[in-house]
Amino acid sequence: MLDPKFFDNLAKQLSSKIPTQVHALRSEIESNLKNTLQAIFSKLDLVTREEFDVQARLLERARERIIALEDKIKAYEKDKSLDNSSEK
């Protein structure tokens, strides 16, 4: 999930845009904004860049293994067909 500081900073930035007439409520608004933002983002099923990069590397490794296995199967099938044709 996202860094909690992200929500603090975003809530502070948004609350800094509040008119000075309601400045007394700023800390309460900031707290409510932070909680609301956390709730919204928690529903989005987001991953960090690090988690994404790890999954991308795993996927690439799996892709390479699949290609290697496909090549082995093709070689096996070719050898098998040569064996069958030489036996006839």
N, C-alpha and C. Protein backbone atom coordinates (compact mmCIF):
# COMPACT_ATOMS: atom_id res chain seq x y z
N MET A 1 0.85 -1.19 0.00
CA MET A 1 0.00 0.00 0.00
C MET A 1 0.88 1.23 0.00
N LEU A 2 0.28 2.37 -0.15
CA LEU A 2 1.01 3.62 -0.21
C LEU A 2 1.54 4.03 1.16
N ASP A 3 2.58 4.82 1.13
CA ASP A 3 3.21 5.33 2.34
C ASP A 3 2.24 6.25 3.08
N PRO A 4 2.07 6.08 4.40
CA PRO A 4 1.17 6.94 5.17
C PRO A 4 1.53 8.43 5.06
N LYS A 5 2.81 8.73 4.84
CA LYS A 5 3.22 10.13 4.67
C LYS A 5 2.57 10.74 3.43
N PHE A 6 2.31 9.89 2.43
CA PHE A 6 1.64 10.37 1.23
C PHE A 6 0.29 10.99 1.58
N PHE A 7 -0.47 10.30 2.43
CA PHE A 7 -1.79 10.79 2.82
C PHE A 7 -1.67 12.05 3.68
N ASP A 8 -0.68 12.08 4.56
CA ASP A 8 -0.45 13.29 5.38
C ASP A 8 -0.17 14.49 4.48
N ASN A 9 0.75 14.31 3.54
CA ASN A 9 1.12 15.41 2.65
C ASN A 9 -0.05 15.85 1.77
N LEU A 10 -0.77 14.89 1.24
CA LEU A 10 -1.91 15.23 0.39
C LEU A 10 -2.99 15.96 1.18
N ALA A 11 -3.27 15.49 2.38
CA ALA A 11 -4.28 16.14 3.22
C ALA A 11 -3.84 17.56 3.58
N LYS A 12 -2.56 17.75 3.87
CA LYS A 12 -2.05 19.10 4.18
C LYS A 12 -2.15 20.02 2.97
N GLN A 13 -1.81 19.49 1.81
CA GLN A 13 -1.91 20.31 0.59
C GLN A 13 -3.35 20.73 0.32
N LEU A 14 -4.26 19.79 0.48
CA LEU A 14 -5.67 20.11 0.24
C LEU A 14 -6.21 21.08 1.29
N SER A 15 -5.82 20.86 2.54
CA SER A 15 -6.34 21.74 3.60
C SER A 15 -5.72 23.14 3.51
N SER A 16 -4.56 23.26 2.88
CA SER A 16 -3.96 24.59 2.72
C SER A 16 -4.77 25.45 1.76
N LYS A 17 -5.61 24.84 0.98
CA LYS A 17 -6.46 25.57 0.02
C LYS A 17 -7.77 26.05 0.65
N ILE A 18 -7.97 25.71 1.91
CA ILE A 18 -9.20 26.09 2.61
C ILE A 18 -9.17 27.59 2.90
N PRO A 19 -10.29 28.27 2.69
CA PRO A 19 -10.34 29.72 2.97
C PRO A 19 -9.99 30.03 4.42
N THR A 20 -9.42 31.20 4.64
CA THR A 20 -8.98 31.59 5.99
C THR A 20 -10.14 31.73 6.97
N GLN A 21 -11.36 31.91 6.47
CA GLN A 21 -12.51 32.05 7.35
C GLN A 21 -12.76 30.77 8.16
N VAL A 22 -12.42 29.64 7.62
CA VAL A 22 -12.64 28.38 8.32
C VAL A 22 -11.32 27.75 8.78
N HIS A 23 -10.33 28.60 8.92
CA HIS A 23 -9.00 28.13 9.31
C HIS A 23 -9.00 27.44 10.67
N ALA A 24 -9.92 27.79 11.54
CA ALA A 24 -9.99 27.18 12.87
C ALA A 24 -10.31 25.69 12.77
N LEU A 25 -10.98 25.30 11.72
CA LEU A 25 -11.35 23.89 11.53
C LEU A 25 -10.30 23.11 10.74
N ARG A 26 -9.19 23.75 10.44
CA ARG A 26 -8.20 23.17 9.54
C ARG A 26 -7.71 21.79 10.00
N SER A 27 -7.35 21.63 11.26
CA SER A 27 -6.81 20.34 11.71
C SER A 27 -7.87 19.24 11.63
N GLU A 28 -9.12 19.59 11.94
CA GLU A 28 -10.19 18.61 11.83
C GLU A 28 -10.43 18.22 10.38
N ILE A 29 -10.44 19.21 9.51
CA ILE A 29 -10.63 18.95 8.08
C ILE A 29 -9.47 18.12 7.54
N GLU A 30 -8.27 18.46 7.95
CA GLU A 30 -7.08 17.73 7.52
C GLU A 30 -7.17 16.26 7.93
N SER A 31 -7.59 16.02 9.15
CA SER A 31 -7.74 14.65 9.66
C SER A 31 -8.81 13.89 8.88
N ASN A 32 -9.93 14.55 8.64
CA ASN A 32 -11.02 13.92 7.88
C ASN A 32 -10.59 13.62 6.45
N LEU A 33 -9.86 14.56 5.85
CA LEU A 33 -9.37 14.34 4.49
C LEU A 33 -8.43 13.14 4.43
N LYS A 34 -7.53 13.07 5.40
CA LYS A 34 -6.58 11.97 5.44
C LYS A 34 -7.31 10.63 5.56
N ASN A 35 -8.26 10.55 6.46
CA ASN A 35 -9.03 9.30 6.64
C ASN A 35 -9.82 8.94 5.39
N THR A 36 -10.43 9.94 4.78
CA THR A 36 -11.21 9.70 3.57
C THR A 36 -10.32 9.22 2.43
N LEU A 37 -9.17 9.88 2.27
CA LEU A 37 -8.24 9.48 1.21
C LEU A 37 -7.73 8.05 1.42
N GLN A 38 -7.41 7.71 2.66
CA GLN A 38 -6.95 6.36 2.95
C GLN A 38 -8.03 5.33 2.62
N ALA A 39 -9.26 5.64 2.95
CA ALA A 39 -10.37 4.72 2.67
C ALA A 39 -10.55 4.54 1.16
N ILE A 40 -10.47 5.63 0.43
CA ILE A 40 -10.64 5.56 -1.03
C ILE A 40 -9.51 4.75 -1.66
N PHE A 41 -8.28 5.06 -1.28
CA PHE A 41 -7.14 4.37 -1.88
C PHE A 41 -7.08 2.90 -1.48
N SER A 42 -7.56 2.56 -0.29
CA SER A 42 -7.52 1.15 0.13
C SER A 42 -8.47 0.29 -0.70
N LYS A 43 -9.48 0.90 -1.28
CA LYS A 43 -10.43 0.16 -2.11
C LYS A 43 -9.92 -0.04 -3.54
N LEU A 44 -8.84 0.64 -3.91
CA LEU A 44 -8.37 0.62 -5.29
C LEU A 44 -7.46 -0.55 -5.65
N ASP A 45 -7.04 -1.35 -4.68
CA ASP A 45 -6.18 -2.50 -4.94
C ASP A 45 -4.91 -2.09 -5.69
N LEU A 46 -4.21 -1.10 -5.17
CA LEU A 46 -2.98 -0.60 -5.77
C LEU A 46 -1.78 -1.38 -5.26
N VAL A 47 -0.72 -1.40 -6.06
CA VAL A 47 0.54 -2.00 -5.63
C VAL A 47 1.63 -0.95 -5.74
N THR A 48 2.68 -1.16 -4.97
CA THR A 48 3.81 -0.23 -5.06
C THR A 48 4.61 -0.53 -6.32
N ARG A 49 5.46 0.40 -6.70
CA ARG A 49 6.32 0.20 -7.86
C ARG A 49 7.24 -1.00 -7.64
N GLU A 50 7.72 -1.14 -6.41
CA GLU A 50 8.61 -2.26 -6.07
C GLU A 50 7.90 -3.59 -6.27
N GLU A 51 6.66 -3.69 -5.79
CA GLU A 51 5.89 -4.93 -5.96
C GLU A 51 5.63 -5.21 -7.44
N PHE A 52 5.35 -4.17 -8.20
CA PHE A 52 5.12 -4.31 -9.63
C PHE A 52 6.38 -4.82 -10.33
N ASP A 53 7.53 -4.23 -9.99
CA ASP A 53 8.80 -4.63 -10.61
C ASP A 53 9.14 -6.09 -10.29
N VAL A 54 8.88 -6.51 -9.06
CA VAL A 54 9.14 -7.90 -8.68
C VAL A 54 8.27 -8.83 -9.53
N GLN A 55 7.00 -8.52 -9.66
CA GLN A 55 6.10 -9.35 -10.46
C GLN A 55 6.50 -9.36 -11.93
N ALA A 56 6.95 -8.21 -12.44
CA ALA A 56 7.39 -8.14 -13.83
C ALA A 56 8.61 -9.04 -14.06
N ARG A 57 9.55 -9.04 -13.10
CA ARG A 57 10.73 -9.91 -13.22
C ARG A 57 10.32 -11.38 -13.16
N LEU A 58 9.40 -11.72 -12.26
CA LEU A 58 8.93 -13.11 -12.19
C LEU A 58 8.25 -13.54 -13.48
N LEU A 59 7.47 -12.65 -14.05
CA LEU A 59 6.78 -12.95 -15.30
C LEU A 59 7.78 -13.15 -16.43
N GLU A 60 8.80 -12.31 -16.49
CA GLU A 60 9.82 -12.44 -17.53
C GLU A 60 10.57 -13.77 -17.38
N ARG A 61 10.90 -14.15 -16.15
CA ARG A 61 11.58 -15.42 -15.90
C ARG A 61 10.69 -16.60 -16.32
N ALA A 62 9.41 -16.51 -16.01
CA ALA A 62 8.47 -17.57 -16.39
C ALA A 62 8.36 -17.65 -17.91
N ARG A 63 8.33 -16.51 -18.57
CA ARG A 63 8.25 -16.47 -20.03
C ARG A 63 9.48 -17.15 -20.64
N GLU A 64 10.66 -16.86 -20.09
CA GLU A 64 11.90 -17.47 -20.59
C GLU A 64 11.87 -18.99 -20.40
N ARG A 65 11.38 -19.44 -19.26
CA ARG A 65 11.30 -20.88 -19.00
C ARG A 65 10.31 -21.56 -19.96
N ILE A 66 9.20 -20.88 -20.24
CA ILE A 66 8.21 -21.44 -21.17
C ILE A 66 8.82 -21.58 -22.56
N ILE A 67 9.55 -20.57 -23.01
CA ILE A 67 10.19 -20.62 -24.32
C ILE A 67 11.20 -21.77 -24.38
N ALA A 68 11.99 -21.92 -23.31
CA ALA A 68 12.97 -23.01 -23.26
C ALA A 68 12.28 -24.37 -23.29
N LEU A 69 11.19 -24.50 -22.56
CA LEU A 69 10.45 -25.77 -22.55
C LEU A 69 9.82 -26.05 -23.91
N GLU A 70 9.30 -25.01 -24.56
CA GLU A 70 8.73 -25.19 -25.90
C GLU A 70 9.80 -25.67 -26.88
N ASP A 71 11.00 -25.10 -26.77
CA ASP A 71 12.10 -25.52 -27.63
C ASP A 71 12.47 -26.98 -27.38
N LYS A 72 12.49 -27.39 -26.11
CA LYS A 72 12.79 -28.79 -25.78
C LYS A 72 11.72 -29.72 -26.35
N ILE A 73 10.47 -29.32 -26.25
CA ILE A 73 9.37 -30.14 -26.78
C ILE A 73 9.50 -30.28 -28.29
N LYS A 74 9.79 -29.17 -28.97
CA LYS A 74 9.96 -29.22 -30.43
C LYS A 74 11.11 -30.15 -30.82
N ALA A 75 12.22 -30.04 -30.08
CA ALA A 75 13.37 -30.91 -30.37
C ALA A 75 13.00 -32.37 -30.12
N TYR A 76 12.29 -32.64 -29.04
CA TYR A 76 11.86 -34.00 -28.73
C TYR A 76 10.94 -34.54 -29.82
N GLU A 77 9.97 -33.72 -30.24
CA GLU A 77 9.03 -34.14 -31.28
C GLU A 77 9.76 -34.40 -32.59
N LYS A 78 10.75 -33.57 -32.90
CA LYS A 78 11.52 -33.75 -34.12
C LYS A 78 12.31 -35.06 -34.06
N ASP A 79 12.97 -35.31 -32.93
CA ASP A 79 13.71 -36.57 -32.76
C ASP A 79 12.77 -37.77 -32.84
N LYS A 80 11.62 -37.64 -32.23
CA LYS A 80 10.64 -38.73 -32.22
C LYS A 80 10.15 -39.02 -33.64
N SER A 81 9.89 -37.97 -34.42
CA SER A 81 9.41 -38.18 -35.78
C SER A 81 10.52 -38.77 -36.65
N LEU A 82 11.78 -38.40 -36.40
CA LEU A 82 12.89 -39.00 -37.14
C LEU A 82 13.04 -40.47 -36.80
N ASP A 83 12.87 -40.80 -35.51
CA ASP A 83 12.95 -42.20 -35.08
C ASP A 83 11.84 -43.02 -35.73
N ASN A 84 10.63 -42.47 -35.77
CA ASN A 84 9.49 -43.18 -36.36
C ASN A 84 9.68 -43.38 -37.86
N SER A 85 10.21 -42.38 -38.56
CA SER A 85 10.39 -42.50 -40.00
C SER A 85 11.53 -43.45 -40.35
N SER A 86 12.53 -43.55 -39.50
CA SER A 86 13.65 -44.47 -39.78
C SER A 86 13.26 -45.92 -39.48
N GLU A 87 12.29 -46.12 -38.62
CA GLU A 87 11.83 -47.47 -38.29
C GLU A 87 10.96 -48.06 -39.38
N LYS A 88 10.38 -47.26 -40.23
CA LYS A 88 9.46 -47.74 -41.26
C LYS A 88 10.17 -48.31 -42.43
